[in-house]
Amino acid sequence: MANTKSAEKANRQAQKHRARNQSVLSTLRTQIRAVREAVTKKDTAAAETALKQATRLLDKAAAKGVIHSRNASRHVARLTKTVRKTA
């Protein structure tokens, strides 16, 4: 329980940030799943477009601080590698 006004405000802000971060992560995971599903179906065109969207979302999440920049870079590299194998 917060004891001061500043602690109460920090708590409110943390709740807002957590909600935003959860939304970003959920969208991110969904898009990564879409890339992997397109790869397993061997649909190269769909995999390429999904990869492009996933890369954009990963970079945005890293810029916002939702995930670490190296985490985003690692995901992009691995997804790109799997898409290139199917092509």
Protein backbone atom coordinates (compact mmCIF):
# COMPACT_ATOMS: atom_id res chain seq x y z
CA MET A 1 0.00 0.00 0.00
CA ALA A 2 1.38 3.40 -1.00
CA ASN A 3 2.03 5.80 1.86
CA THR A 4 2.69 9.05 -0.01
CA LYS A 5 1.11 10.90 -2.92
CA SER A 6 4.17 10.32 -5.08
CA ALA A 7 4.07 6.58 -4.36
CA GLU A 8 0.37 6.48 -5.28
CA LYS A 9 1.10 8.26 -8.55
CA ALA A 10 3.99 5.91 -9.29
CA ASN A 11 1.64 2.98 -8.70
CA ARG A 12 -0.94 4.41 -11.12
CA GLN A 13 1.73 4.97 -13.75
CA ALA A 14 3.10 1.47 -13.29
CA GLN A 15 -0.36 0.00 -13.86
CA LYS A 16 -0.75 1.99 -17.10
CA HIS A 17 2.69 0.96 -18.32
CA ARG A 18 2.05 -2.68 -17.46
CA ALA A 19 -1.22 -2.67 -19.43
CA ARG A 20 0.48 -1.10 -22.45
CA ASN A 21 3.42 -3.51 -22.26
CA GLN A 22 1.10 -6.54 -22.03
CA SER A 23 -0.78 -5.35 -25.11
CA VAL A 24 2.43 -4.85 -27.09
CA LEU A 25 3.79 -8.26 -26.04
CA SER A 26 0.55 -10.02 -26.93
CA THR A 27 0.51 -8.49 -30.41
CA LEU A 28 4.16 -9.37 -30.81
CA ARG A 29 3.70 -13.02 -29.86
CA THR A 30 0.73 -13.34 -32.21
CA GLN A 31 2.73 -11.97 -35.13
CA ILE A 32 5.70 -14.24 -34.40
CA ARG A 33 3.32 -17.20 -34.30
CA ALA A 34 1.94 -16.12 -37.70
CA VAL A 35 5.44 -16.20 -39.19
CA ARG A 36 6.12 -19.67 -37.81
CA GLU A 37 2.78 -21.01 -39.03
CA ALA A 38 3.41 -19.66 -42.53
CA VAL A 39 6.82 -21.34 -42.52
CA THR A 40 5.37 -24.69 -41.46
CA LYS A 41 2.75 -24.43 -44.22
CA LYS A 42 5.60 -23.58 -46.64
CA ASP A 43 3.75 -20.43 -47.76
CA THR A 44 6.70 -18.24 -48.73
CA ALA A 45 4.73 -15.11 -49.63
CA ALA A 46 2.75 -15.13 -46.39
CA ALA A 47 5.92 -15.83 -44.40
CA GLU A 48 7.68 -12.85 -45.98
CA THR A 49 4.84 -10.43 -45.24
CA ALA A 50 4.41 -11.76 -41.71
CA LEU A 51 8.16 -11.46 -41.16
CA LYS A 52 8.10 -7.84 -42.30
CA GLN A 53 5.31 -7.02 -39.83
CA ALA A 54 6.98 -8.98 -37.02
CA THR A 55 10.27 -7.17 -37.58
CA ARG A 56 8.51 -3.82 -37.40
CA LEU A 57 6.71 -4.77 -34.19
CA LEU A 58 9.89 -6.13 -32.59
CA ASP A 59 11.77 -2.94 -33.38
CA LYS A 60 8.96 -0.79 -31.98
CA ALA A 61 8.78 -2.86 -28.80
CA ALA A 62 12.53 -2.50 -28.32
CA ALA A 63 12.34 1.26 -28.91
CA LYS A 64 9.59 1.59 -26.30
CA GLY A 65 11.59 -0.46 -23.82
CA VAL A 66 9.07 -3.29 -23.64
CA ILE A 67 11.76 -5.78 -24.60
CA HIS A 68 15.54 -5.42 -24.73
CA SER A 69 17.04 -4.38 -28.05
CA ARG A 70 19.22 -7.49 -28.22
CA ASN A 71 16.18 -9.67 -27.58
CA ALA A 72 14.45 -8.02 -30.55
CA SER A 73 17.54 -8.40 -32.71
CA ARG A 74 17.86 -12.07 -31.82
CA HIS A 75 14.21 -12.75 -32.68
CA VAL A 76 14.51 -10.94 -36.02
CA ALA A 77 17.65 -12.89 -36.93
CA ARG A 78 16.16 -16.26 -36.06
CA LEU A 79 12.86 -15.61 -37.82
CA THR A 80 14.64 -14.32 -40.92
CA LYS A 81 16.83 -17.41 -40.95
CA THR A 82 13.82 -19.75 -40.82
CA VAL A 83 11.99 -17.85 -43.56
CA ARG A 84 15.07 -17.92 -45.79
CA LYS A 85 15.35 -21.69 -45.36
CA THR A 86 11.83 -22.22 -46.72
CA ALA A 87 12.36 -19.93 -49.72
